[in-house]
Amino acid sequence: MLANIPLKNVLFLDIETVPQVYRFSELSDKAKSLFQLKNRNKFSDLYKENKANELDLSDEDLWDKVYQNVSGIQAEFGKIICISVGFVKENHTFSEIRLKSFFHDDEETLLKLFIRLLNDNPNFSILCGHNAKEFDFPYICRRLLINGLNLPPQLDISGKKPWEIAHIDTMDLWKFGDFKAYTSLSLLCHVFDIPTPKDDISGQDVARVYYEENNLLRIKQYCEKDVLALAQLLLRMKSLPLISDENIHFSQNT
């Protein structure tokens, strides 16, 4: 299967998301009620932990903790602030990659730019991400519809049979049919001896960096590192050489 994946048709991608507002208290009363309904089990777990540790947090404090933990990864309460993509070109003896990012405070703006890339480049018929079938792909689709935008062909999977969906998930590939555990991109890079630069932030820092530091550029750079690591991982899975530093190119960013 891996040998039959044409790299020239693969668009590697990763997204960064944040809560639509920074604090639970900033939600409207209606949104608070709906968030609580969706996440009552998570609140219950945190409430029990609070009691067990003899802490004295109010219900409002606990709901804010739940909100900070999950709102950014729930498409109903989060938004996309960055989509980074990469495309690999194979030569006779080496590969090179070009990276590009769409990042903006206005989600609709960056989604339209991303759609334009897909529509203008139908040769990118295969989308690749890590844990993307569970997170990135459905999250993008949900936010597209919420913003009143049509799904591009690469993401419109309604009515398609599983083997007709041209999506690659490196975590799914690593499972080999095993559904027991999540394996991070960082761990697989370590296992495959893929060099990765030290990040000054992690996924848990993205909302803080966005709302407190107002630093989208820092988040964009973090996102691009994951796309590069993702591409390197698929190359290793295909038993191909890694892309050297001189063959990593950054396009004009939007």
C-alpha atoms as a PDB file:
ATOM      1  CA  MET A   1       0.000   0.000   0.000  1.00  0.00           C
ATOM      2  CA  LEU A   2       2.674   2.533   1.023  1.00  0.00           C
ATOM      3  CA  ALA A   3       4.682   1.860  -2.126  1.00  0.00           C
ATOM      4  CA  ASN A   4       1.671   2.826  -4.226  1.00  0.00           C
ATOM      5  CA  ILE A   5       1.217   6.287  -2.679  1.00  0.00           C
ATOM      6  CA  PRO A   6       2.301   8.889  -5.294  1.00  0.00           C
ATOM      7  CA  LEU A   7       3.969  11.675  -3.318  1.00  0.00           C
ATOM      8  CA  LYS A   8       3.328  14.212  -6.092  1.00  0.00           C
ATOM      9  CA  ASN A   9      -0.400  13.937  -5.352  1.00  0.00           C
ATOM     10  CA  VAL A  10      -0.134  14.211  -1.552  1.00  0.00           C
ATOM     11  CA  LEU A  11      -0.871  17.422   0.329  1.00  0.00           C
ATOM     12  CA  PHE A  12       0.465  17.203   3.889  1.00  0.00           C
ATOM     13  CA  LEU A  13      -1.416  19.344   6.378  1.00  0.00           C
ATOM     14  CA  ASP A  14      -1.842  20.279  10.010  1.00  0.00           C
ATOM     15  CA  ILE A  15      -4.165  22.735  11.728  1.00  0.00           C
ATOM     16  CA  GLU A  16      -4.030  24.802  14.904  1.00  0.00           C
ATOM     17  CA  THR A  17      -7.246  25.610  16.726  1.00  0.00           C
ATOM     18  CA  VAL A  18      -8.272  27.759  19.697  1.00  0.00           C
ATOM     19  CA  PRO A  19     -11.477  28.422  21.647  1.00  0.00           C
ATOM     20  CA  GLN A  20     -13.746  31.007  20.023  1.00  0.00           C
ATOM     21  CA  VAL A  21     -13.466  33.049  23.222  1.00  0.00           C
ATOM     22  CA  TYR A  22     -10.714  32.647  25.773  1.00  0.00           C
ATOM     23  CA  ARG A  23     -12.732  32.057  28.961  1.00  0.00           C
ATOM     24  CA  PHE A  24     -15.905  30.173  29.782  1.00  0.00           C
ATOM     25  CA  SER A  25     -17.283  33.333  31.408  1.00  0.00           C
ATOM     26  CA  GLU A  26     -17.127  35.099  28.033  1.00  0.00           C
ATOM     27  CA  LEU A  27     -19.653  32.741  26.447  1.00  0.00           C
ATOM     28  CA  SER A  28     -23.266  33.786  26.051  1.00  0.00           C
ATOM     29  CA  ASP A  29     -25.744  32.184  28.422  1.00  0.00           C
ATOM     30  CA  LYS A  30     -27.047  29.988  25.604  1.00  0.00           C
ATOM     31  CA  ALA A  31     -23.541  28.878  24.605  1.00  0.00           C
ATOM     32  CA  LYS A  32     -22.682  28.148  28.251  1.00  0.00           C
ATOM     33  CA  SER A  33     -25.724  25.932  28.588  1.00  0.00           C
ATOM     34  CA  LEU A  34     -24.947  24.015  25.395  1.00  0.00           C
ATOM     35  CA  PHE A  35     -21.280  23.622  26.336  1.00  0.00           C
ATOM     36  CA  GLN A  36     -22.266  22.265  29.742  1.00  0.00           C
ATOM     37  CA  LEU A  37     -24.694  19.819  28.155  1.00  0.00           C
ATOM     38  CA  LYS A  38     -22.052  18.518  25.760  1.00  0.00           C
ATOM     39  CA  ASN A  39     -19.340  18.243  28.416  1.00  0.00           C
ATOM     40  CA  ARG A  40     -21.202  17.242  31.585  1.00  0.00           C
ATOM     41  CA  ASN A  41     -19.203  13.998  31.890  1.00  0.00           C
ATOM     42  CA  LYS A  42     -15.899  15.884  31.753  1.00  0.00           C
ATOM     43  CA  PHE A  43     -17.175  18.258  34.435  1.00  0.00           C
ATOM     44  CA  SER A  44     -18.220  15.296  36.599  1.00  0.00           C
ATOM     45  CA  ASP A  45     -14.730  13.783  36.375  1.00  0.00           C
ATOM     46  CA  LEU A  46     -13.100  17.091  37.285  1.00  0.00           C
ATOM     47  CA  TYR A  47     -15.560  17.630  40.144  1.00  0.00           C
ATOM     48  CA  LYS A  48     -14.661  14.238  41.642  1.00  0.00           C
ATOM     49  CA  GLU A  49     -10.950  15.013  41.273  1.00  0.00           C
ATOM     50  CA  ASN A  50     -11.491  18.369  42.975  1.00  0.00           C
ATOM     51  CA  LYS A  51     -13.221  16.695  45.913  1.00  0.00           C
ATOM     52  CA  ALA A  52     -10.628  13.917  46.174  1.00  0.00           C
ATOM     53  CA  ASN A  53      -7.795  16.444  46.348  1.00  0.00           C
ATOM     54  CA  GLU A  54      -9.735  18.576  48.852  1.00  0.00           C
ATOM     55  CA  LEU A  55      -9.571  21.642  46.650  1.00  0.00           C
ATOM     56  CA  ASP A  56     -12.072  24.433  46.966  1.00  0.00           C
ATOM     57  CA  LEU A  57     -12.827  25.355  43.374  1.00  0.00           C
ATOM     58  CA  SER A  58     -16.255  26.717  42.529  1.00  0.00           C
ATOM     59  CA  ASP A  59     -18.411  25.200  39.798  1.00  0.00           C
ATOM     60  CA  GLU A  60     -17.600  28.218  37.638  1.00  0.00           C
ATOM     61  CA  ASP A  61     -13.861  27.591  38.114  1.00  0.00           C
ATOM     62  CA  LEU A  62     -14.328  23.923  37.229  1.00  0.00           C
ATOM     63  CA  TRP A  63     -16.302  24.761  34.112  1.00  0.00           C
ATOM     64  CA  ASP A  64     -13.560  27.178  33.082  1.00  0.00           C
ATOM     65  CA  LYS A  65     -11.005  24.367  33.448  1.00  0.00           C
ATOM     66  CA  VAL A  66     -13.142  22.055  31.312  1.00  0.00           C
ATOM     67  CA  TYR A  67     -13.508  24.848  28.772  1.00  0.00           C
ATOM     68  CA  GLN A  68      -9.765  25.474  28.645  1.00  0.00           C
ATOM     69  CA  ASN A  69      -9.116  21.746  28.180  1.00  0.00           C
ATOM     70  CA  VAL A  70     -11.555  20.923  25.393  1.00  0.00           C
ATOM     71  CA  SER A  71     -13.230  23.918  23.748  1.00  0.00           C
ATOM     72  CA  GLY A  72     -10.456  24.446  21.202  1.00  0.00           C
ATOM     73  CA  ILE A  73     -10.720  20.878  19.920  1.00  0.00           C
ATOM     74  CA  GLN A  74     -14.508  20.911  19.659  1.00  0.00           C
ATOM     75  CA  ALA A  75     -15.542  22.432  16.337  1.00  0.00           C
ATOM     76  CA  GLU A  76     -18.754  23.819  17.847  1.00  0.00           C
ATOM     77  CA  PHE A  77     -16.818  25.969  20.319  1.00  0.00           C
ATOM     78  CA  GLY A  78     -13.422  26.385  18.642  1.00  0.00           C
ATOM     79  CA  LYS A  79     -12.028  27.890  15.467  1.00  0.00           C
ATOM     80  CA  ILE A  80      -9.097  27.351  13.124  1.00  0.00           C
ATOM     81  CA  ILE A  81      -6.378  29.993  13.232  1.00  0.00           C
ATOM     82  CA  CYS A  82      -3.755  28.283  11.058  1.00  0.00           C
ATOM     83  CA  ILE A  83      -3.598  25.641   8.338  1.00  0.00           C
ATOM     84  CA  SER A  84      -0.087  24.694   7.242  1.00  0.00           C
ATOM     85  CA  VAL A  85       0.488  22.533   4.168  1.00  0.00           C
ATOM     86  CA  GLY A  86       3.431  20.913   2.458  1.00  0.00           C
ATOM     87  CA  PHE A  87       3.982  19.231  -0.898  1.00  0.00           C
ATOM     88  CA  VAL A  88       6.897  16.994  -1.779  1.00  0.00           C
ATOM     89  CA  LYS A  89       8.673  16.794  -5.110  1.00  0.00           C
ATOM     90  CA  GLU A  90      10.745  13.698  -5.825  1.00  0.00           C
ATOM     91  CA  ASN A  91      13.939  13.826  -7.880  1.00  0.00           C
ATOM     92  CA  HIS A  92      16.154  10.919  -8.898  1.00  0.00           C
ATOM     93  CA  THR A  93      18.288  10.968  -5.756  1.00  0.00           C
ATOM     94  CA  PHE A  94      16.479  13.235  -3.244  1.00  0.00           C
ATOM     95  CA  SER A  95      13.190  14.852  -2.327  1.00  0.00           C
ATOM     96  CA  GLU A  96      12.336  18.462  -1.576  1.00  0.00           C
ATOM     97  CA  ILE A  97       9.364  20.023   0.194  1.00  0.00           C
ATOM     98  CA  ARG A  98       7.620  23.363  -0.081  1.00  0.00           C
ATOM     99  CA  LEU A  99       5.701  24.618   2.955  1.00  0.00           C
ATOM    100  CA  LYS A 100       2.947  27.212   3.029  1.00  0.00           C
ATOM    101  CA  SER A 101       0.643  28.479   5.759  1.00  0.00           C
ATOM    102  CA  PHE A 102      -2.722  30.172   5.904  1.00  0.00           C
ATOM    103  CA  PHE A 103      -3.148  32.009   9.205  1.00  0.00           C
ATOM    104  CA  HIS A 104      -5.575  34.743  10.148  1.00  0.00           C
ATOM    105  CA  ASP A 105      -7.733  35.979  13.025  1.00  0.00           C
ATOM    106  CA  ASP A 106     -10.726  35.733  10.710  1.00  0.00           C
ATOM    107  CA  GLU A 107     -11.379  32.023  10.179  1.00  0.00           C
ATOM    108  CA  GLU A 108     -13.477  32.494   7.031  1.00  0.00           C
ATOM    109  CA  THR A 109     -10.602  34.329   5.342  1.00  0.00           C
ATOM    110  CA  LEU A 110      -8.042  31.570   5.901  1.00  0.00           C
ATOM    111  CA  LEU A 111     -10.543  28.842   4.974  1.00  0.00           C
ATOM    112  CA  LYS A 112     -11.282  30.551   1.657  1.00  0.00           C
ATOM    113  CA  LEU A 113      -7.550  30.721   0.906  1.00  0.00           C
ATOM    114  CA  PHE A 114      -7.165  27.036   1.758  1.00  0.00           C
ATOM    115  CA  ILE A 115     -10.113  26.092  -0.471  1.00  0.00           C
ATOM    116  CA  ARG A 116      -8.606  28.100  -3.314  1.00  0.00           C
ATOM    117  CA  LEU A 117      -5.368  26.131  -3.004  1.00  0.00           C
ATOM    118  CA  LEU A 118      -7.268  22.839  -3.269  1.00  0.00           C
ATOM    119  CA  ASN A 119      -9.464  24.000  -6.135  1.00  0.00           C
ATOM    120  CA  ASP A 120      -6.535  25.461  -8.067  1.00  0.00           C
ATOM    121  CA  ASN A 121      -4.463  22.299  -7.575  1.00  0.00           C
ATOM    122  CA  PRO A 122      -6.703  19.266  -8.228  1.00  0.00           C
ATOM    123  CA  ASN A 123      -3.532  17.166  -8.577  1.00  0.00           C
ATOM    124  CA  PHE A 124      -3.387  17.292  -4.754  1.00  0.00           C
ATOM    125  CA  SER A 125      -5.956  14.520  -4.643  1.00  0.00           C
ATOM    126  CA  ILE A 126      -4.622  12.880  -1.457  1.00  0.00           C
ATOM    127  CA  LEU A 127      -4.661  14.618   1.926  1.00  0.00           C
ATOM    128  CA  CYS A 128      -2.282  13.440   4.652  1.00  0.00           C
ATOM    129  CA  GLY A 129      -2.205  14.243   8.354  1.00  0.00           C
ATOM    130  CA  HIS A 130      -1.445  12.662  11.728  1.00  0.00           C
ATOM    131  CA  ASN A 131      -4.591  11.653  13.612  1.00  0.00           C
ATOM    132  CA  ALA A 132      -6.253  13.624  10.823  1.00  0.00           C
ATOM    133  CA  LYS A 133      -9.153  11.243  10.248  1.00  0.00           C
ATOM    134  CA  GLU A 134     -10.207  11.786  13.854  1.00  0.00           C
ATOM    135  CA  PHE A 135      -9.376  15.483  14.125  1.00  0.00           C
ATOM    136  CA  ASP A 136      -8.031  17.654  11.283  1.00  0.00           C
ATOM    137  CA  PHE A 137     -10.226  16.501   8.387  1.00  0.00           C
ATOM    138  CA  PRO A 138     -13.594  16.492  10.204  1.00  0.00           C
ATOM    139  CA  TYR A 139     -12.730  19.708  12.064  1.00  0.00           C
ATOM    140  CA  ILE A 140     -11.997  21.529   8.806  1.00  0.00           C
ATOM    141  CA  CYS A 141     -15.212  20.205   7.257  1.00  0.00           C
ATOM    142  CA  ARG A 142     -17.326  21.306  10.219  1.00  0.00           C
ATOM    143  CA  ARG A 143     -15.821  24.783  10.304  1.00  0.00           C
ATOM    144  CA  LEU A 144     -16.262  25.136   6.528  1.00  0.00           C
ATOM    145  CA  LEU A 145     -19.978  24.416   6.846  1.00  0.00           C
ATOM    146  CA  ILE A 146     -20.347  26.691   9.893  1.00  0.00           C
ATOM    147  CA  ASN A 147     -18.791  29.498   7.832  1.00  0.00           C
ATOM    148  CA  GLY A 148     -21.186  28.816   4.954  1.00  0.00           C
ATOM    149  CA  LEU A 149     -18.487  27.461   2.636  1.00  0.00           C
ATOM    150  CA  ASN A 150     -18.731  24.498   0.282  1.00  0.00           C
ATOM    151  CA  LEU A 151     -16.565  21.444   0.884  1.00  0.00           C
ATOM    152  CA  PRO A 152     -13.812  21.031  -1.739  1.00  0.00           C
ATOM    153  CA  PRO A 153     -13.783  17.651  -3.547  1.00  0.00           C
ATOM    154  CA  GLN A 154     -10.853  16.388  -1.464  1.00  0.00           C
ATOM    155  CA  LEU A 155     -12.924  16.742   1.729  1.00  0.00           C
ATOM    156  CA  ASP A 156     -16.409  15.928   0.449  1.00  0.00           C
ATOM    157  CA  ILE A 157     -16.607  12.259   1.435  1.00  0.00           C
ATOM    158  CA  SER A 158     -20.380  11.962   1.832  1.00  0.00           C
ATOM    159  CA  GLY A 159     -21.637   8.823   0.119  1.00  0.00           C
ATOM    160  CA  LYS A 160     -18.156   7.552  -0.694  1.00  0.00           C
ATOM    161  CA  LYS A 161     -17.042   4.030   0.129  1.00  0.00           C
ATOM    162  CA  PRO A 162     -14.040   3.765   2.500  1.00  0.00           C
ATOM    163  CA  TRP A 163     -11.662   2.749  -0.286  1.00  0.00           C
ATOM    164  CA  GLU A 164     -12.752   5.760  -2.360  1.00  0.00           C
ATOM    165  CA  ILE A 165     -11.631   8.277   0.272  1.00  0.00           C
ATOM    166  CA  ALA A 166      -8.125   9.519  -0.572  1.00  0.00           C
ATOM    167  CA  HIS A 167      -7.052  10.403   2.964  1.00  0.00           C
ATOM    168  CA  ILE A 168      -3.844   9.202   4.608  1.00  0.00           C
ATOM    169  CA  ASP A 169      -3.468   9.203   8.375  1.00  0.00           C
ATOM    170  CA  THR A 170       0.046   8.318   9.540  1.00  0.00           C
ATOM    171  CA  MET A 171      -1.264   7.348  12.962  1.00  0.00           C
ATOM    172  CA  ASP A 172      -3.778   5.066  11.300  1.00  0.00           C
ATOM    173  CA  LEU A 173      -1.016   3.535   9.173  1.00  0.00           C
ATOM    174  CA  TRP A 174       1.023   2.872  12.322  1.00  0.00           C
ATOM    175  CA  LYS A 175      -1.886   1.076  13.990  1.00  0.00           C
ATOM    176  CA  PHE A 176      -1.932  -1.751  11.421  1.00  0.00           C
ATOM    177  CA  GLY A 177      -5.479  -2.528  12.514  1.00  0.00           C
ATOM    178  CA  ASP A 178      -4.777  -2.039  16.242  1.00  0.00           C
ATOM    179  CA  PHE A 179      -7.297   0.377  17.782  1.00  0.00           C
ATOM    180  CA  LYS A 180      -6.025   0.386  21.357  1.00  0.00           C
ATOM    181  CA  ALA A 181      -3.781   3.401  21.577  1.00  0.00           C
ATOM    182  CA  TYR A 182      -2.923   6.883  20.364  1.00  0.00           C
ATOM    183  CA  THR A 183       0.663   7.359  19.154  1.00  0.00           C
ATOM    184  CA  SER A 184       1.895  10.939  18.909  1.00  0.00           C
ATOM    185  CA  LEU A 185       3.770  12.373  15.955  1.00  0.00           C
ATOM    186  CA  SER A 186       6.636  13.257  18.309  1.00  0.00           C
ATOM    187  CA  LEU A 187       6.969   9.647  19.446  1.00  0.00           C
ATOM    188  CA  LEU A 188       7.010   8.309  15.891  1.00  0.00           C
ATOM    189  CA  CYS A 189       9.642  10.880  14.906  1.00  0.00           C
ATOM    190  CA  HIS A 190      11.747   9.610  17.806  1.00  0.00           C
ATOM    191  CA  VAL A 191      11.188   5.975  16.832  1.00  0.00           C
ATOM    192  CA  PHE A 192      12.128   6.635  13.193  1.00  0.00           C
ATOM    193  CA  ASP A 193      15.075   8.861  14.178  1.00  0.00           C
ATOM    194  CA  ILE A 194      13.655  11.917  12.430  1.00  0.00           C
ATOM    195  CA  PRO A 195      15.402  15.075  13.657  1.00  0.00           C
ATOM    196  CA  THR A 196      12.971  17.734  14.874  1.00  0.00           C
ATOM    197  CA  PRO A 197      13.846  21.184  16.233  1.00  0.00           C
ATOM    198  CA  LYS A 198      12.955  21.914  19.826  1.00  0.00           C
ATOM    199  CA  ASP A 199       9.609  23.691  20.019  1.00  0.00           C
ATOM    200  CA  ASP A 200       9.248  26.694  22.283  1.00  0.00           C
ATOM    201  CA  ILE A 201       5.540  25.914  22.601  1.00  0.00           C
ATOM    202  CA  SER A 202       3.323  22.829  22.638  1.00  0.00           C
ATOM    203  CA  GLY A 203      -0.247  22.273  21.560  1.00  0.00           C
ATOM    204  CA  GLN A 204      -1.415  23.165  25.073  1.00  0.00           C
ATOM    205  CA  ASP A 205       0.195  26.612  24.728  1.00  0.00           C
ATOM    206  CA  VAL A 206      -1.492  27.637  21.475  1.00  0.00           C
ATOM    207  CA  ALA A 207      -4.572  29.297  23.011  1.00  0.00           C
ATOM    208  CA  ARG A 208      -2.430  31.234  25.494  1.00  0.00           C
ATOM    209  CA  VAL A 209       0.002  32.388  22.810  1.00  0.00           C
ATOM    210  CA  TYR A 210      -2.928  33.431  20.615  1.00  0.00           C
ATOM    211  CA  TYR A 211      -5.011  35.296  23.197  1.00  0.00           C
ATOM    212  CA  GLU A 212      -2.371  36.580  25.619  1.00  0.00           C
ATOM    213  CA  GLU A 213       0.600  37.170  23.293  1.00  0.00           C
ATOM    214  CA  ASN A 214      -1.349  37.801  20.083  1.00  0.00           C
ATOM    215  CA  ASN A 215       1.450  35.949  18.283  1.00  0.00           C
ATOM    216  CA  LEU A 216       0.024  34.162  15.237  1.00  0.00           C
ATOM    217  CA  LEU A 217       3.446  34.035  13.600  1.00  0.00           C
ATOM    218  CA  ARG A 218       4.820  31.919  16.442  1.00  0.00           C
ATOM    219  CA  ILE A 219       1.864  29.531  16.106  1.00  0.00           C
ATOM    220  CA  LYS A 220       2.345  29.359  12.324  1.00  0.00           C
ATOM    221  CA  GLN A 221       5.981  28.361  12.745  1.00  0.00           C
ATOM    222  CA  TYR A 222       4.982  25.659  15.243  1.00  0.00           C
ATOM    223  CA  CYS A 223       2.368  24.318  12.820  1.00  0.00           C
ATOM    224  CA  GLU A 224       4.822  24.194   9.906  1.00  0.00           C
ATOM    225  CA  LYS A 225       7.248  22.118  11.987  1.00  0.00           C
ATOM    226  CA  ASP A 226       4.552  19.488  12.399  1.00  0.00           C
ATOM    227  CA  VAL A 227       3.866  19.418   8.654  1.00  0.00           C
ATOM    228  CA  LEU A 228       7.560  18.928   7.938  1.00  0.00           C
ATOM    229  CA  ALA A 229       7.762  16.143  10.549  1.00  0.00           C
ATOM    230  CA  LEU A 230       4.651  14.553   9.036  1.00  0.00           C
ATOM    231  CA  ALA A 231       6.167  14.495   5.542  1.00  0.00           C
ATOM    232  CA  GLN A 232       9.442  13.093   6.858  1.00  0.00           C
ATOM    233  CA  LEU A 233       7.529  10.368   8.685  1.00  0.00           C
ATOM    234  CA  LEU A 234       5.687   9.230   5.558  1.00  0.00           C
ATOM    235  CA  LEU A 235       8.976   9.174   3.653  1.00  0.00           C
ATOM    236  CA  ARG A 236      10.494   6.924   6.326  1.00  0.00           C
ATOM    237  CA  MET A 237       7.423   4.695   6.232  1.00  0.00           C
ATOM    238  CA  LYS A 238       7.978   4.377   2.486  1.00  0.00           C
ATOM    239  CA  SER A 239      11.681   3.571   3.143  1.00  0.00           C
ATOM    240  CA  LEU A 240      12.781   6.751   1.353  1.00  0.00           C
ATOM    241  CA  PRO A 241      15.568   9.146   2.406  1.00  0.00           C
ATOM    242  CA  LEU A 242      14.690  12.105   4.599  1.00  0.00           C
ATOM    243  CA  ILE A 243      14.526  15.602   3.135  1.00  0.00           C
ATOM    244  CA  SER A 244      17.705  17.529   3.900  1.00  0.00           C
ATOM    245  CA  ASP A 245      17.633  21.078   5.264  1.00  0.00           C
ATOM    246  CA  GLU A 246      18.693  22.654   1.970  1.00  0.00           C
ATOM    247  CA  ASN A 247      15.681  21.095   0.255  1.00  0.00           C
ATOM    248  CA  ILE A 248      13.118  22.576   2.630  1.00  0.00           C
ATOM    249  CA  HIS A 249      11.488  25.672   1.101  1.00  0.00           C
ATOM    250  CA  PHE A 250       8.987  28.123   2.549  1.00  0.00           C
ATOM    251  CA  SER A 251       6.484  29.755   0.213  1.00  0.00           C
ATOM    252  CA  GLN A 252       5.098  33.235   0.548  1.00  0.00           C
ATOM    253  CA  ASN A 253       2.763  32.979   3.531  1.00  0.00           C
ATOM    254  CA  THR A 254      -0.717  34.444   3.764  1.00  0.00           C
END
